[in-house]
Amino acid sequence: MRVLLRVRPGSSRTVVGGRYEGPAGPALVVAVSARAVEGQATKAVLQAVAAAFGVRSSAVTLVRGATSRDKLVDIHADQTEIQARLEELLR
C-alpha cells in the first residue's frame, strides 16, 4: 500500500502521526530528529514508519521524494491492517 508522508526533519523527537493537507491530498506527518543531510532524515523516516505500522524496515520502500519533505512510500504488508493503522495515525 502506498502512503503519502510529510516529513519534519530536525524535530526534538521522532513522532509518527497527524495529518497534513498537501497538494497531493492528505499526508501522514512524520517528525524525526535526524537532520536533512546526506539522506539521514529519509533513512530515519523509513525506520519510524516501519515501527509505527509494526512491520520490518525492509517492508517500507521509498517510491518518490528522496530529497523532498513530501515523500511517497510503499508498505508491503496486509493492506487491511495498514489502512486501519493509517486512519488511526491521521487523526
PDB file of N, CA and C in Angstrom:
ATOM      1  N   MET A   1       0.836  -1.162   0.000  1.00  0.00           N
ATOM      2  CA  MET A   1       0.000   0.000   0.000  1.00  0.00           C
ATOM      3  C   MET A   1       0.893   1.240   0.000  1.00  0.00           C
ATOM      4  N   ARG A   2       0.535   2.212  -0.805  1.00  0.00           N
ATOM      5  CA  ARG A   2       1.310   3.450  -0.878  1.00  0.00           C
ATOM      6  C   ARG A   2       0.728   4.495   0.058  1.00  0.00           C
ATOM      7  N   VAL A   3       1.631   5.194   0.741  1.00  0.00           N
ATOM      8  CA  VAL A   3       1.242   6.184   1.735  1.00  0.00           C
ATOM      9  C   VAL A   3       2.018   7.475   1.490  1.00  0.00           C
ATOM     10  N   LEU A   4       1.305   8.593   1.461  1.00  0.00           N
ATOM     11  CA  LEU A   4       1.941   9.907   1.351  1.00  0.00           C
ATOM     12  C   LEU A   4       2.421  10.341   2.727  1.00  0.00           C
ATOM     13  N   LEU A   5       3.621  10.934   2.769  1.00  0.00           N
ATOM     14  CA  LEU A   5       4.189  11.402   4.021  1.00  0.00           C
ATOM     15  C   LEU A   5       4.597  12.859   3.897  1.00  0.00           C
ATOM     16  N   ARG A   6       4.521  13.586   5.006  1.00  0.00           N
ATOM     17  CA  ARG A   6       5.068  14.939   5.113  1.00  0.00           C
ATOM     18  C   ARG A   6       6.095  14.861   6.235  1.00  0.00           C
ATOM     19  N   VAL A   7       7.353  15.116   5.901  1.00  0.00           N
ATOM     20  CA  VAL A   7       8.454  14.935   6.841  1.00  0.00           C
ATOM     21  C   VAL A   7       8.833  16.257   7.501  1.00  0.00           C
ATOM     22  N   ARG A   8       9.104  16.179   8.797  1.00  0.00           N
ATOM     23  CA  ARG A   8       9.615  17.319   9.565  1.00  0.00           C
ATOM     24  C   ARG A   8      10.954  16.907  10.179  1.00  0.00           C
ATOM     25  N   PRO A   9      12.049  17.143   9.457  1.00  0.00           N
ATOM     26  CA  PRO A   9      13.369  16.780   9.992  1.00  0.00           C
ATOM     27  C   PRO A   9      13.811  17.744  11.085  1.00  0.00           C
ATOM     28  N   GLY A  10      14.741  17.297  11.918  1.00  0.00           N
ATOM     29  CA  GLY A  10      15.294  18.146  12.967  1.00  0.00           C
ATOM     30  C   GLY A  10      14.365  18.369  14.142  1.00  0.00           C
ATOM     31  N   SER A  11      13.397  17.506  14.314  1.00  0.00           N
ATOM     32  CA  SER A  11      12.457  17.613  15.428  1.00  0.00           C
ATOM     33  C   SER A  11      13.152  17.201  16.728  1.00  0.00           C
ATOM     34  N   SER A  12      12.575  17.566  17.847  1.00  0.00           N
ATOM     35  CA  SER A  12      13.171  17.200  19.130  1.00  0.00           C
ATOM     36  C   SER A  12      13.034  15.701  19.417  1.00  0.00           C
ATOM     37  N   ARG A  13      12.038  15.066  18.791  1.00  0.00           N
ATOM     38  CA  ARG A  13      11.855  13.619  18.966  1.00  0.00           C
ATOM     39  C   ARG A  13      11.165  13.054  17.735  1.00  0.00           C
ATOM     40  N   THR A  14      11.199  11.748  17.612  1.00  0.00           N
ATOM     41  CA  THR A  14      10.574  11.082  16.478  1.00  0.00           C
ATOM     42  C   THR A  14       9.114  10.770  16.820  1.00  0.00           C
ATOM     43  N   VAL A  15       8.216  11.252  15.954  1.00  0.00           N
ATOM     44  CA  VAL A  15       6.779  11.054  16.151  1.00  0.00           C
ATOM     45  C   VAL A  15       6.132  10.786  14.803  1.00  0.00           C
ATOM     46  N   VAL A  16       5.281   9.770  14.748  1.00  0.00           N
ATOM     47  CA  VAL A  16       4.506   9.480  13.541  1.00  0.00           C
ATOM     48  C   VAL A  16       3.044   9.686  13.895  1.00  0.00           C
ATOM     49  N   GLY A  17       2.416  10.635  13.225  1.00  0.00           N
ATOM     50  CA  GLY A  17       1.007  10.891  13.483  1.00  0.00           C
ATOM     51  C   GLY A  17       0.641  12.319  13.161  1.00  0.00           C
ATOM     52  N   GLY A  18      -0.565  12.494  12.732  1.00  0.00           N
ATOM     53  CA  GLY A  18      -1.044  13.802  12.344  1.00  0.00           C
ATOM     54  C   GLY A  18      -1.319  13.850  10.856  1.00  0.00           C
ATOM     55  N   ARG A  19      -2.015  14.877  10.472  1.00  0.00           N
ATOM     56  CA  ARG A  19      -2.457  14.998   9.082  1.00  0.00           C
ATOM     57  C   ARG A  19      -1.945  16.309   8.494  1.00  0.00           C
ATOM     58  N   TYR A  20      -1.443  16.252   7.277  1.00  0.00           N
ATOM     59  CA  TYR A  20      -1.017  17.424   6.537  1.00  0.00           C
ATOM     60  C   TYR A  20      -1.805  17.448   5.230  1.00  0.00           C
ATOM     61  N   GLU A  21      -2.535  18.519   5.014  1.00  0.00           N
ATOM     62  CA  GLU A  21      -3.320  18.652   3.782  1.00  0.00           C
ATOM     63  C   GLU A  21      -2.437  19.252   2.699  1.00  0.00           C
ATOM     64  N   GLY A  22      -1.819  18.393   1.940  1.00  0.00           N
ATOM     65  CA  GLY A  22      -0.910  18.834   0.890  1.00  0.00           C
ATOM     66  C   GLY A  22      -1.574  18.868  -0.469  1.00  0.00           C
ATOM     67  N   PRO A  23      -0.838  19.295  -1.481  1.00  0.00           N
ATOM     68  CA  PRO A  23      -1.391  19.400  -2.831  1.00  0.00           C
ATOM     69  C   PRO A  23      -1.795  18.044  -3.435  1.00  0.00           C
ATOM     70  N   ALA A  24      -1.178  16.972  -2.966  1.00  0.00           N
ATOM     71  CA  ALA A  24      -1.492  15.644  -3.490  1.00  0.00           C
ATOM     72  C   ALA A  24      -2.532  14.931  -2.639  1.00  0.00           C
ATOM     73  N   GLY A  25      -3.071  15.624  -1.627  1.00  0.00           N
ATOM     74  CA  GLY A  25      -4.044  15.014  -0.743  1.00  0.00           C
ATOM     75  C   GLY A  25      -3.497  14.905   0.661  1.00  0.00           C
ATOM     76  N   PRO A  26      -4.253  14.300   1.571  1.00  0.00           N
ATOM     77  CA  PRO A  26      -3.800  14.203   2.959  1.00  0.00           C
ATOM     78  C   PRO A  26      -2.559  13.314   3.080  1.00  0.00           C
ATOM     79  N   ALA A  27      -1.615  13.782   3.876  1.00  0.00           N
ATOM     80  CA  ALA A  27      -0.376  13.036   4.091  1.00  0.00           C
ATOM     81  C   ALA A  27      -0.171  12.802   5.580  1.00  0.00           C
ATOM     82  N   LEU A  28       0.464  11.715   5.913  1.00  0.00           N
ATOM     83  CA  LEU A  28       0.806  11.373   7.281  1.00  0.00           C
ATOM     84  C   LEU A  28       2.052  12.162   7.677  1.00  0.00           C
ATOM     85  N   VAL A  29       2.011  12.832   8.823  1.00  0.00           N
ATOM     86  CA  VAL A  29       3.152  13.624   9.283  1.00  0.00           C
ATOM     87  C   VAL A  29       4.121  12.711  10.031  1.00  0.00           C
ATOM     88  N   VAL A  30       5.401  12.817   9.656  1.00  0.00           N
ATOM     89  CA  VAL A  30       6.460  12.059  10.319  1.00  0.00           C
ATOM     90  C   VAL A  30       7.548  13.045  10.741  1.00  0.00           C
ATOM     91  N   ALA A  31       7.711  13.240  12.040  1.00  0.00           N
ATOM     92  CA  ALA A  31       8.756  14.105  12.564  1.00  0.00           C
ATOM     93  C   ALA A  31       9.913  13.229  13.030  1.00  0.00           C
ATOM     94  N   VAL A  32      11.117  13.576  12.607  1.00  0.00           N
ATOM     95  CA  VAL A  32      12.305  12.817  13.003  1.00  0.00           C
ATOM     96  C   VAL A  32      13.370  13.772  13.521  1.00  0.00           C
ATOM     97  N   SER A  33      14.193  13.285  14.425  1.00  0.00           N
ATOM     98  CA  SER A  33      15.246  14.117  14.986  1.00  0.00           C
ATOM     99  C   SER A  33      16.431  14.261  14.039  1.00  0.00           C
ATOM    100  N   ALA A  34      16.570  13.360  13.092  1.00  0.00           N
ATOM    101  CA  ALA A  34      17.679  13.423  12.137  1.00  0.00           C
ATOM    102  C   ALA A  34      17.553  14.655  11.247  1.00  0.00           C
ATOM    103  N   ARG A  35      18.677  15.224  10.911  1.00  0.00           N
ATOM    104  CA  ARG A  35      18.718  16.378  10.019  1.00  0.00           C
ATOM    105  C   ARG A  35      18.637  15.924   8.572  1.00  0.00           C
ATOM    106  N   ALA A  36      18.208  16.831   7.711  1.00  0.00           N
ATOM    107  CA  ALA A  36      18.081  16.532   6.277  1.00  0.00           C
ATOM    108  C   ALA A  36      19.442  16.686   5.604  1.00  0.00           C
ATOM    109  N   VAL A  37      20.391  15.852   5.988  1.00  0.00           N
ATOM    110  CA  VAL A  37      21.744  15.890   5.438  1.00  0.00           C
ATOM    111  C   VAL A  37      22.130  14.488   4.999  1.00  0.00           C
ATOM    112  N   GLU A  38      22.524  14.357   3.752  1.00  0.00           N
ATOM    113  CA  GLU A  38      23.015  13.083   3.200  1.00  0.00           C
ATOM    114  C   GLU A  38      22.051  11.922   3.419  1.00  0.00           C
ATOM    115  N   GLY A  39      20.766  12.180   3.337  1.00  0.00           N
ATOM    116  CA  GLY A  39      19.767  11.128   3.430  1.00  0.00           C
ATOM    117  C   GLY A  39      19.489  10.611   4.827  1.00  0.00           C
ATOM    118  N   GLN A  40      20.044  11.262   5.846  1.00  0.00           N
ATOM    119  CA  GLN A  40      19.832  10.795   7.217  1.00  0.00           C
ATOM    120  C   GLN A  40      18.365  10.867   7.618  1.00  0.00           C
ATOM    121  N   ALA A  41      17.695  11.955   7.257  1.00  0.00           N
ATOM    122  CA  ALA A  41      16.281  12.104   7.623  1.00  0.00           C
ATOM    123  C   ALA A  41      15.424  11.067   6.900  1.00  0.00           C
ATOM    124  N   THR A  42      15.708  10.829   5.639  1.00  0.00           N
ATOM    125  CA  THR A  42      14.930   9.843   4.880  1.00  0.00           C
ATOM    126  C   THR A  42      15.070   8.455   5.492  1.00  0.00           C
ATOM    127  N   LYS A  43      16.279   8.089   5.869  1.00  0.00           N
ATOM    128  CA  LYS A  43      16.507   6.784   6.498  1.00  0.00           C
ATOM    129  C   LYS A  43      15.737   6.694   7.816  1.00  0.00           C
ATOM    130  N   ALA A  44      15.786   7.763   8.606  1.00  0.00           N
ATOM    131  CA  ALA A  44      15.071   7.784   9.883  1.00  0.00           C
ATOM    132  C   ALA A  44      13.566   7.703   9.673  1.00  0.00           C
ATOM    133  N   VAL A  45      13.067   8.350   8.625  1.00  0.00           N
ATOM    134  CA  VAL A  45      11.634   8.318   8.312  1.00  0.00           C
ATOM    135  C   VAL A  45      11.192   6.893   7.991  1.00  0.00           C
ATOM    136  N   LEU A  46      11.949   6.213   7.164  1.00  0.00           N
ATOM    137  CA  LEU A  46      11.588   4.839   6.787  1.00  0.00           C
ATOM    138  C   LEU A  46      11.558   3.929   8.014  1.00  0.00           C
ATOM    139  N   GLN A  47      12.513   4.102   8.925  1.00  0.00           N
ATOM    140  CA  GLN A  47      12.536   3.298  10.147  1.00  0.00           C
ATOM    141  C   GLN A  47      11.353   3.641  11.053  1.00  0.00           C
ATOM    142  N   ALA A  48      11.030   4.929  11.163  1.00  0.00           N
ATOM    143  CA  ALA A  48       9.918   5.355  12.010  1.00  0.00           C
ATOM    144  C   ALA A  48       8.583   4.842  11.472  1.00  0.00           C
ATOM    145  N   VAL A  49       8.415   4.891  10.163  1.00  0.00           N
ATOM    146  CA  VAL A  49       7.176   4.411   9.549  1.00  0.00           C
ATOM    147  C   VAL A  49       7.039   2.901   9.764  1.00  0.00           C
ATOM    148  N   ALA A  50       8.129   2.175   9.596  1.00  0.00           N
ATOM    149  CA  ALA A  50       8.090   0.728   9.816  1.00  0.00           C
ATOM    150  C   ALA A  50       7.669   0.415  11.251  1.00  0.00           C
ATOM    151  N   ALA A  51       8.234   1.131  12.208  1.00  0.00           N
ATOM    152  CA  ALA A  51       7.888   0.904  13.614  1.00  0.00           C
ATOM    153  C   ALA A  51       6.424   1.263  13.882  1.00  0.00           C
ATOM    154  N   ALA A  52       5.963   2.365  13.314  1.00  0.00           N
ATOM    155  CA  ALA A  52       4.579   2.813  13.541  1.00  0.00           C
ATOM    156  C   ALA A  52       3.552   1.838  12.980  1.00  0.00           C
ATOM    157  N   PHE A  53       3.894   1.184  11.874  1.00  0.00           N
ATOM    158  CA  PHE A  53       2.966   0.245  11.250  1.00  0.00           C
ATOM    159  C   PHE A  53       3.225  -1.202  11.670  1.00  0.00           C
ATOM    160  N   GLY A  54       4.243  -1.417  12.488  1.00  0.00           N
ATOM    161  CA  GLY A  54       4.521  -2.751  13.000  1.00  0.00           C
ATOM    162  C   GLY A  54       5.031  -3.720  11.953  1.00  0.00           C
ATOM    163  N   VAL A  55       5.863  -3.212  11.039  1.00  0.00           N
ATOM    164  CA  VAL A  55       6.451  -4.069  10.001  1.00  0.00           C
ATOM    165  C   VAL A  55       7.973  -3.956  10.060  1.00  0.00           C
ATOM    166  N   ARG A  56       8.657  -4.876   9.392  1.00  0.00           N
ATOM    167  CA  ARG A  56      10.113  -4.810   9.298  1.00  0.00           C
ATOM    168  C   ARG A  56      10.528  -3.585   8.484  1.00  0.00           C
ATOM    169  N   SER A  57      11.707  -3.079   8.735  1.00  0.00           N
ATOM    170  CA  SER A  57      12.220  -1.929   7.981  1.00  0.00           C
ATOM    171  C   SER A  57      12.292  -2.227   6.496  1.00  0.00           C
ATOM    172  N   SER A  58      12.584  -3.458   6.154  1.00  0.00           N
ATOM    173  CA  SER A  58      12.695  -3.833   4.741  1.00  0.00           C
ATOM    174  C   SER A  58      11.342  -3.848   4.032  1.00  0.00           C
ATOM    175  N   ALA A  59      10.244  -3.778   4.785  1.00  0.00           N
ATOM    176  CA  ALA A  59       8.908  -3.774   4.194  1.00  0.00           C
ATOM    177  C   ALA A  59       8.465  -2.370   3.772  1.00  0.00           C
ATOM    178  N   VAL A  60       9.262  -1.363   4.093  1.00  0.00           N
ATOM    179  CA  VAL A  60       8.944   0.019   3.730  1.00  0.00           C
ATOM    180  C   VAL A  60       9.979   0.505   2.721  1.00  0.00           C
ATOM    181  N   THR A  61       9.509   0.872   1.534  1.00  0.00           N
ATOM    182  CA  THR A  61      10.424   1.354   0.498  1.00  0.00           C
ATOM    183  C   THR A  61       9.991   2.738   0.024  1.00  0.00           C
ATOM    184  N   LEU A  62      10.980   3.548  -0.286  1.00  0.00           N
ATOM    185  CA  LEU A  62      10.736   4.891  -0.791  1.00  0.00           C
ATOM    186  C   LEU A  62      10.425   4.819  -2.281  1.00  0.00           C
ATOM    187  N   VAL A  63       9.316   5.396  -2.679  1.00  0.00           N
ATOM    188  CA  VAL A  63       8.911   5.423  -4.088  1.00  0.00           C
ATOM    189  C   VAL A  63       9.309   6.748  -4.715  1.00  0.00           C
ATOM    190  N   ARG A  64       9.076   7.835  -3.972  1.00  0.00           N
ATOM    191  CA  ARG A  64       9.348   9.164  -4.515  1.00  0.00           C
ATOM    192  C   ARG A  64       9.649  10.133  -3.377  1.00  0.00           C
ATOM    193  N   GLY A  65      10.551  11.093  -3.624  1.00  0.00           N
ATOM    194  CA  GLY A  65      10.798  12.167  -2.677  1.00  0.00           C
ATOM    195  C   GLY A  65      12.039  12.027  -1.830  1.00  0.00           C
ATOM    196  N   ALA A  66      13.101  11.472  -2.363  1.00  0.00           N
ATOM    197  CA  ALA A  66      14.323  11.260  -1.588  1.00  0.00           C
ATOM    198  C   ALA A  66      14.865  12.548  -0.985  1.00  0.00           C
ATOM    199  N   THR A  67      14.727  13.675  -1.682  1.00  0.00           N
ATOM    200  CA  THR A  67      15.261  14.944  -1.187  1.00  0.00           C
ATOM    201  C   THR A  67      14.161  15.956  -0.881  1.00  0.00           C
ATOM    202  N   SER A  68      12.955  15.499  -0.735  1.00  0.00           N
ATOM    203  CA  SER A  68      11.815  16.381  -0.515  1.00  0.00           C
ATOM    204  C   SER A  68      11.171  16.116   0.847  1.00  0.00           C
ATOM    205  N   ARG A  69      10.457  17.104   1.363  1.00  0.00           N
ATOM    206  CA  ARG A  69       9.690  16.896   2.591  1.00  0.00           C
ATOM    207  C   ARG A  69       8.459  16.034   2.321  1.00  0.00           C
ATOM    208  N   ASP A  70       7.996  16.031   1.094  1.00  0.00           N
ATOM    209  CA  ASP A  70       6.858  15.204   0.701  1.00  0.00           C
ATOM    210  C   ASP A  70       7.382  13.918   0.093  1.00  0.00           C
ATOM    211  N   LYS A  71       7.018  12.809   0.692  1.00  0.00           N
ATOM    212  CA  LYS A  71       7.515  11.505   0.240  1.00  0.00           C
ATOM    213  C   LYS A  71       6.342  10.561  -0.009  1.00  0.00           C
ATOM    214  N   LEU A  72       6.589   9.594  -0.859  1.00  0.00           N
ATOM    215  CA  LEU A  72       5.639   8.523  -1.107  1.00  0.00           C
ATOM    216  C   LEU A  72       6.366   7.228  -0.798  1.00  0.00           C
ATOM    217  N   VAL A  73       5.797   6.428   0.102  1.00  0.00           N
ATOM    218  CA  VAL A  73       6.408   5.148   0.455  1.00  0.00           C
ATOM    219  C   VAL A  73       5.441   4.014   0.158  1.00  0.00           C
ATOM    220  N   ASP A  74       6.000   2.868  -0.043  1.00  0.00           N
ATOM    221  CA  ASP A  74       5.223   1.654  -0.261  1.00  0.00           C
ATOM    222  C   ASP A  74       5.448   0.764   0.955  1.00  0.00           C
ATOM    223  N   ILE A  75       4.362   0.354   1.598  1.00  0.00           N
ATOM    224  CA  ILE A  75       4.442  -0.532   2.760  1.00  0.00           C
ATOM    225  C   ILE A  75       3.936  -1.897   2.331  1.00  0.00           C
ATOM    226  N   HIS A  76       4.818  -2.880   2.386  1.00  0.00           N
ATOM    227  CA  HIS A  76       4.494  -4.235   1.946  1.00  0.00           C
ATOM    228  C   HIS A  76       3.996  -5.043   3.145  1.00  0.00           C
ATOM    229  N   ALA A  77       2.690  -5.054   3.309  1.00  0.00           N
ATOM    230  CA  ALA A  77       2.054  -5.794   4.410  1.00  0.00           C
ATOM    231  C   ALA A  77       0.580  -5.935   4.073  1.00  0.00           C
ATOM    232  N   ASP A  78      -0.163  -6.536   4.990  1.00  0.00           N
ATOM    233  CA  ASP A  78      -1.597  -6.720   4.798  1.00  0.00           C
ATOM    234  C   ASP A  78      -2.269  -5.356   4.654  1.00  0.00           C
ATOM    235  N   GLN A  79      -2.899  -5.124   3.527  1.00  0.00           N
ATOM    236  CA  GLN A  79      -3.466  -3.825   3.205  1.00  0.00           C
ATOM    237  C   GLN A  79      -4.560  -3.405   4.192  1.00  0.00           C
ATOM    238  N   THR A  80      -5.355  -4.335   4.659  1.00  0.00           N
ATOM    239  CA  THR A  80      -6.427  -4.019   5.604  1.00  0.00           C
ATOM    240  C   THR A  80      -5.856  -3.490   6.915  1.00  0.00           C
ATOM    241  N   GLU A  81      -4.819  -4.150   7.426  1.00  0.00           N
ATOM    242  CA  GLU A  81      -4.194  -3.717   8.669  1.00  0.00           C
ATOM    243  C   GLU A  81      -3.506  -2.362   8.499  1.00  0.00           C
ATOM    244  N   ILE A  82      -2.829  -2.169   7.375  1.00  0.00           N
ATOM    245  CA  ILE A  82      -2.136  -0.906   7.108  1.00  0.00           C
ATOM    246  C   ILE A  82      -3.150   0.230   7.001  1.00  0.00           C
ATOM    247  N   GLN A  83      -4.256   0.007   6.317  1.00  0.00           N
ATOM    248  CA  GLN A  83      -5.285   1.038   6.163  1.00  0.00           C
ATOM    249  C   GLN A  83      -5.882   1.423   7.511  1.00  0.00           C
ATOM    250  N   ALA A  84      -6.147   0.437   8.347  1.00  0.00           N
ATOM    251  CA  ALA A  84      -6.715   0.713   9.671  1.00  0.00           C
ATOM    252  C   ALA A  84      -5.738   1.513  10.525  1.00  0.00           C
ATOM    253  N   ARG A  85      -4.481   1.141  10.510  1.00  0.00           N
ATOM    254  CA  ARG A  85      -3.464   1.858  11.290  1.00  0.00           C
ATOM    255  C   ARG A  85      -3.269   3.273  10.740  1.00  0.00           C
ATOM    256  N   LEU A  86      -3.300   3.427   9.428  1.00  0.00           N
ATOM    257  CA  LEU A  86      -3.154   4.745   8.798  1.00  0.00           C
ATOM    258  C   LEU A  86      -4.276   5.681   9.238  1.00  0.00           C
ATOM    259  N   GLU A  87      -5.485   5.188   9.265  1.00  0.00           N
ATOM    260  CA  GLU A  87      -6.628   6.005   9.692  1.00  0.00           C
ATOM    261  C   GLU A  87      -6.451   6.468  11.141  1.00  0.00           C
ATOM    262  N   GLU A  88      -5.913   5.598  11.999  1.00  0.00           N
ATOM    263  CA  GLU A  88      -5.652   5.974  13.390  1.00  0.00           C
ATOM    264  C   GLU A  88      -4.603   7.078  13.465  1.00  0.00           C
ATOM    265  N   LEU A  89      -3.540   6.933  12.689  1.00  0.00           N
ATOM    266  CA  LEU A  89      -2.419   7.875  12.742  1.00  0.00           C
ATOM    267  C   LEU A  89      -2.767   9.231  12.127  1.00  0.00           C
ATOM    268  N   LEU A  90      -3.691   9.263  11.193  1.00  0.00           N
ATOM    269  CA  LEU A  90      -4.058  10.514  10.534  1.00  0.00           C
ATOM    270  C   LEU A  90      -4.952  11.396  11.401  1.00  0.00           C
ATOM    271  N   ARG A  91      -5.430  10.896  12.491  1.00  0.00           N
ATOM    272  CA  ARG A  91      -6.326  11.686  13.363  1.00  0.00           C
ATOM    273  C   ARG A  91      -5.585  12.734  14.114  1.00  0.00           C
TER     274      ARG A  91
END
